[in-house]
């Protein structure tokens, strides 16, 4: 199966998502977080670096639970800013505007 190249927006979305996960992980090691979420450290590394911009829902849910981050916050990081939600809007506002 050949994957189509990521669009610039898909890359930016993956980078925003990854940055949020890295910030939520804090000082915890990637290996510890991945094991607690039931995923491989390689998968977490790809997600955090934006190379896996569309992780499976259950992967996202497991990471959210492990990192104690709401799914709304994660969705807000991935939302495409629209006219009602500027890029600098808080995550909760971006989720409601999406």
N, C-alpha and C. Protein backbone atom coordinates (compact mmCIF):
# COMPACT_ATOMS: atom_id res chain seq x y z
N UNK A 1 0.84 -1.18 0.00
CA UNK A 1 0.00 0.00 0.00
C UNK A 1 0.88 1.24 0.00
N UNK A 2 0.63 2.12 -0.93
CA UNK A 2 1.39 3.36 -1.02
C UNK A 2 0.59 4.47 -0.36
N UNK A 3 1.23 5.15 0.58
CA UNK A 3 0.56 6.26 1.26
C UNK A 3 0.76 7.54 0.46
N UNK A 4 -0.29 8.33 0.44
CA UNK A 4 -0.14 9.63 -0.20
C UNK A 4 0.66 10.53 0.74
N UNK A 5 1.45 11.43 0.17
CA UNK A 5 2.24 12.33 1.02
C UNK A 5 1.33 13.20 1.89
N UNK A 6 1.84 13.55 3.06
CA UNK A 6 1.08 14.41 3.96
C UNK A 6 1.01 15.82 3.40
N UNK A 7 -0.12 16.46 3.61
CA UNK A 7 -0.25 17.87 3.22
C UNK A 7 0.46 18.71 4.27
N UNK A 8 0.78 19.95 3.95
CA UNK A 8 1.39 20.82 4.96
C UNK A 8 0.54 20.95 6.22
N UNK A 9 -0.78 21.02 6.08
CA UNK A 9 -1.65 21.13 7.26
C UNK A 9 -1.62 19.84 8.08
N UNK A 10 -1.57 18.69 7.42
CA UNK A 10 -1.48 17.43 8.15
C UNK A 10 -0.18 17.36 8.94
N UNK A 11 0.89 17.86 8.35
CA UNK A 11 2.18 17.90 9.06
C UNK A 11 2.10 18.82 10.27
N UNK A 12 1.54 20.00 10.09
CA UNK A 12 1.41 20.95 11.21
C UNK A 12 0.52 20.38 12.31
N UNK A 13 -0.58 19.73 11.93
CA UNK A 13 -1.48 19.12 12.91
C UNK A 13 -0.74 18.05 13.71
N UNK A 14 0.01 17.20 13.03
CA UNK A 14 0.78 16.17 13.72
C UNK A 14 1.82 16.76 14.64
N UNK A 15 2.45 17.85 14.22
CA UNK A 15 3.45 18.50 15.06
C UNK A 15 2.81 19.13 16.30
N UNK A 16 1.63 19.74 16.14
CA UNK A 16 0.91 20.32 17.29
C UNK A 16 0.53 19.23 18.28
N UNK A 17 0.01 18.14 17.75
CA UNK A 17 -0.40 17.02 18.59
C UNK A 17 0.80 16.44 19.34
N UNK A 18 1.88 16.22 18.62
CA UNK A 18 3.09 15.68 19.24
C UNK A 18 3.65 16.59 20.32
N UNK A 19 3.64 17.90 20.07
CA UNK A 19 4.14 18.85 21.06
C UNK A 19 3.30 18.80 22.33
N UNK A 20 2.00 18.68 22.17
CA UNK A 20 1.12 18.59 23.33
C UNK A 20 1.41 17.33 24.14
N UNK A 21 1.61 16.21 23.45
CA UNK A 21 1.92 14.97 24.15
C UNK A 21 3.27 15.05 24.86
N UNK A 22 4.27 15.63 24.20
CA UNK A 22 5.58 15.77 24.84
C UNK A 22 5.48 16.63 26.10
N UNK A 23 4.73 17.72 26.01
CA UNK A 23 4.55 18.61 27.17
C UNK A 23 3.83 17.86 28.30
N UNK A 24 2.82 17.09 27.96
CA UNK A 24 2.06 16.35 28.97
C UNK A 24 2.92 15.25 29.59
N UNK A 25 3.81 14.69 28.81
CA UNK A 25 4.69 13.62 29.31
C UNK A 25 5.69 14.17 30.32
N UNK A 26 6.10 15.41 30.13
CA UNK A 26 7.02 16.05 31.06
C UNK A 26 8.31 15.28 31.21
N UNK A 27 8.65 14.97 32.46
CA UNK A 27 9.90 14.28 32.77
C UNK A 27 9.80 12.76 32.65
N UNK A 28 8.59 12.25 32.43
CA UNK A 28 8.43 10.80 32.30
C UNK A 28 9.13 10.33 31.03
N UNK A 29 9.72 9.15 31.10
CA UNK A 29 10.41 8.65 29.91
C UNK A 29 9.39 8.19 28.87
N UNK A 30 9.82 8.24 27.64
CA UNK A 30 8.98 7.79 26.54
C UNK A 30 8.64 6.31 26.72
N UNK A 31 9.60 5.54 27.16
CA UNK A 31 9.39 4.10 27.36
C UNK A 31 8.34 3.84 28.42
N UNK A 32 8.41 4.57 29.54
CA UNK A 32 7.43 4.38 30.62
C UNK A 32 6.02 4.74 30.17
N UNK A 33 5.89 5.86 29.47
CA UNK A 33 4.57 6.31 29.01
C UNK A 33 4.01 5.33 27.99
N UNK A 34 4.85 4.91 27.05
CA UNK A 34 4.40 3.97 26.02
C UNK A 34 3.93 2.66 26.65
N UNK A 35 4.71 2.14 27.59
CA UNK A 35 4.33 0.89 28.25
C UNK A 35 3.02 1.04 29.00
N UNK A 36 2.85 2.15 29.71
CA UNK A 36 1.61 2.38 30.46
C UNK A 36 0.40 2.51 29.54
N UNK A 37 0.62 3.04 28.33
CA UNK A 37 -0.46 3.20 27.37
C UNK A 37 -0.68 1.95 26.53
N UNK A 38 0.21 0.99 26.62
CA UNK A 38 0.07 -0.25 25.86
C UNK A 38 0.48 -0.12 24.40
N UNK A 39 1.40 0.80 24.13
CA UNK A 39 1.91 0.97 22.76
C UNK A 39 3.43 0.86 22.81
N UNK A 40 4.04 0.75 21.65
CA UNK A 40 5.50 0.68 21.61
C UNK A 40 6.10 2.08 21.75
N UNK A 41 7.32 2.12 22.25
CA UNK A 41 8.03 3.39 22.35
C UNK A 41 8.24 3.98 20.96
N UNK A 42 8.43 3.13 19.97
CA UNK A 42 8.60 3.61 18.59
C UNK A 42 7.33 4.30 18.09
N UNK A 43 6.17 3.74 18.40
CA UNK A 43 4.91 4.37 18.01
C UNK A 43 4.77 5.73 18.68
N UNK A 44 5.06 5.81 19.97
CA UNK A 44 4.98 7.08 20.67
C UNK A 44 5.96 8.08 20.08
N UNK A 45 7.16 7.64 19.76
CA UNK A 45 8.16 8.53 19.15
C UNK A 45 7.65 9.10 17.83
N UNK A 46 7.06 8.25 17.01
CA UNK A 46 6.52 8.71 15.73
C UNK A 46 5.39 9.71 15.92
N UNK A 47 4.53 9.46 16.90
CA UNK A 47 3.42 10.38 17.16
C UNK A 47 3.96 11.71 17.67
N UNK A 48 4.89 11.66 18.63
CA UNK A 48 5.43 12.88 19.21
C UNK A 48 6.21 13.72 18.21
N UNK A 49 6.81 13.10 17.22
CA UNK A 49 7.57 13.86 16.23
C UNK A 49 6.73 14.27 15.03
N UNK A 50 5.45 13.89 15.04
CA UNK A 50 4.57 14.28 13.95
C UNK A 50 4.65 13.40 12.72
N UNK A 51 5.41 12.30 12.81
CA UNK A 51 5.53 11.40 11.67
C UNK A 51 4.37 10.43 11.55
N UNK A 52 3.52 10.38 12.58
CA UNK A 52 2.30 9.57 12.55
C UNK A 52 1.15 10.50 12.91
N UNK A 53 0.72 11.33 11.95
CA UNK A 53 -0.26 12.38 12.25
C UNK A 53 -1.68 11.89 12.44
N UNK A 54 -1.94 10.62 12.17
CA UNK A 54 -3.31 10.10 12.33
C UNK A 54 -3.30 8.80 13.13
N UNK A 55 -2.89 8.87 14.40
CA UNK A 55 -2.90 7.65 15.21
C UNK A 55 -4.33 7.16 15.43
N UNK A 56 -4.45 5.87 15.68
CA UNK A 56 -5.76 5.27 15.91
C UNK A 56 -6.41 5.87 17.16
N UNK A 57 -7.74 5.91 17.15
CA UNK A 57 -8.48 6.48 18.27
C UNK A 57 -8.10 5.82 19.59
N UNK A 58 -8.01 4.51 19.63
CA UNK A 58 -7.72 3.82 20.87
C UNK A 58 -6.30 4.11 21.36
N UNK A 59 -5.39 4.40 20.45
CA UNK A 59 -4.04 4.82 20.83
C UNK A 59 -4.11 6.19 21.49
N UNK A 60 -4.86 7.10 20.89
CA UNK A 60 -5.02 8.44 21.45
C UNK A 60 -5.71 8.37 22.81
N UNK A 61 -6.75 7.55 22.91
CA UNK A 61 -7.47 7.42 24.18
C UNK A 61 -6.56 6.85 25.27
N UNK A 62 -5.74 5.88 24.93
CA UNK A 62 -4.82 5.29 25.91
C UNK A 62 -3.78 6.32 26.36
N UNK A 63 -3.27 7.10 25.43
CA UNK A 63 -2.31 8.14 25.78
C UNK A 63 -2.96 9.22 26.65
N UNK A 64 -4.18 9.59 26.31
CA UNK A 64 -4.90 10.60 27.10
C UNK A 64 -5.07 10.12 28.54
N UNK A 65 -5.47 8.87 28.72
CA UNK A 65 -5.65 8.33 30.06
C UNK A 65 -4.32 8.24 30.81
N UNK A 66 -3.30 7.79 30.14
CA UNK A 66 -1.97 7.65 30.76
C UNK A 66 -1.40 9.00 31.17
N UNK A 67 -1.60 10.00 30.33
CA UNK A 67 -1.03 11.33 30.59
C UNK A 67 -1.98 12.25 31.35
N UNK A 68 -3.18 11.76 31.65
CA UNK A 68 -4.20 12.53 32.35
C UNK A 68 -4.52 13.83 31.59
N UNK A 69 -4.75 13.67 30.30
CA UNK A 69 -5.13 14.78 29.43
C UNK A 69 -6.48 14.43 28.83
N UNK A 70 -7.40 15.39 28.80
CA UNK A 70 -8.72 15.09 28.25
C UNK A 70 -8.67 14.93 26.73
N UNK A 71 -9.58 14.13 26.23
CA UNK A 71 -9.69 13.98 24.78
C UNK A 71 -10.06 15.31 24.13
N UNK A 72 -10.84 16.14 24.82
CA UNK A 72 -11.17 17.46 24.29
C UNK A 72 -9.92 18.30 24.08
N UNK A 73 -9.00 18.25 25.02
CA UNK A 73 -7.75 19.01 24.89
C UNK A 73 -6.95 18.50 23.70
N UNK A 74 -6.87 17.19 23.55
CA UNK A 74 -6.13 16.63 22.42
C UNK A 74 -6.80 16.99 21.10
N UNK A 75 -8.13 16.92 21.06
CA UNK A 75 -8.85 17.29 19.84
C UNK A 75 -8.63 18.75 19.51
N UNK A 76 -8.59 19.59 20.53
CA UNK A 76 -8.35 21.01 20.31
C UNK A 76 -6.99 21.28 19.69
N UNK A 77 -6.01 20.48 20.05
CA UNK A 77 -4.67 20.65 19.48
C UNK A 77 -4.65 20.28 18.01
N UNK A 78 -5.58 19.43 17.60
CA UNK A 78 -5.62 18.97 16.22
C UNK A 78 -6.61 19.74 15.36
N UNK A 79 -7.44 20.56 15.98
CA UNK A 79 -8.46 21.29 15.23
C UNK A 79 -7.82 22.26 14.25
N UNK A 80 -8.43 22.38 13.11
CA UNK A 80 -7.99 23.36 12.12
C UNK A 80 -8.59 24.70 12.52
N UNK A 81 -7.75 25.69 12.81
CA UNK A 81 -8.29 26.98 13.21
C UNK A 81 -9.19 27.56 12.12
N UNK A 82 -10.36 28.00 12.51
CA UNK A 82 -11.29 28.63 11.58
C UNK A 82 -11.46 30.08 11.95
N UNK A 83 -12.39 30.78 11.30
CA UNK A 83 -12.57 32.20 11.57
C UNK A 83 -13.02 32.47 13.01
N UNK A 84 -13.69 31.49 13.64
CA UNK A 84 -14.16 31.68 15.01
C UNK A 84 -13.14 31.24 16.04
N UNK A 85 -12.10 30.52 15.62
CA UNK A 85 -11.11 30.01 16.56
C UNK A 85 -9.71 30.30 16.03
N UNK A 86 -9.15 31.46 16.36
CA UNK A 86 -7.80 31.77 15.90
C UNK A 86 -6.79 30.77 16.44
N UNK A 87 -5.66 30.66 15.77
CA UNK A 87 -4.64 29.68 16.15
C UNK A 87 -4.19 29.87 17.59
N UNK A 88 -4.31 31.05 18.15
CA UNK A 88 -3.86 31.29 19.51
C UNK A 88 -4.95 31.04 20.55
N UNK A 89 -6.11 30.54 20.11
CA UNK A 89 -7.23 30.30 21.02
C UNK A 89 -6.91 29.16 21.96
N UNK A 90 -7.41 29.22 23.21
CA UNK A 90 -7.23 28.07 24.12
C UNK A 90 -7.85 26.82 23.53
N UNK A 91 -7.34 25.67 23.92
CA UNK A 91 -7.80 24.40 23.36
C UNK A 91 -9.29 24.20 23.53
N UNK A 92 -9.83 24.52 24.72
CA UNK A 92 -11.27 24.30 24.94
C UNK A 92 -12.11 25.14 23.97
N UNK A 93 -11.71 26.37 23.72
CA UNK A 93 -12.46 27.21 22.79
C UNK A 93 -12.38 26.68 21.38
N UNK A 94 -11.19 26.20 20.99
CA UNK A 94 -11.01 25.66 19.65
C UNK A 94 -11.89 24.43 19.43
N UNK A 95 -12.03 23.60 20.46
CA UNK A 95 -12.86 22.40 20.33
C UNK A 95 -14.31 22.78 20.10
N UNK A 96 -14.81 23.75 20.87
CA UNK A 96 -16.21 24.14 20.74
C UNK A 96 -16.49 24.85 19.43
N UNK A 97 -15.48 25.51 18.87
CA UNK A 97 -15.69 26.23 17.61
C UNK A 97 -15.60 25.30 16.41
N UNK A 98 -14.94 24.15 16.60
CA UNK A 98 -14.73 23.23 15.47
C UNK A 98 -16.00 22.55 15.05
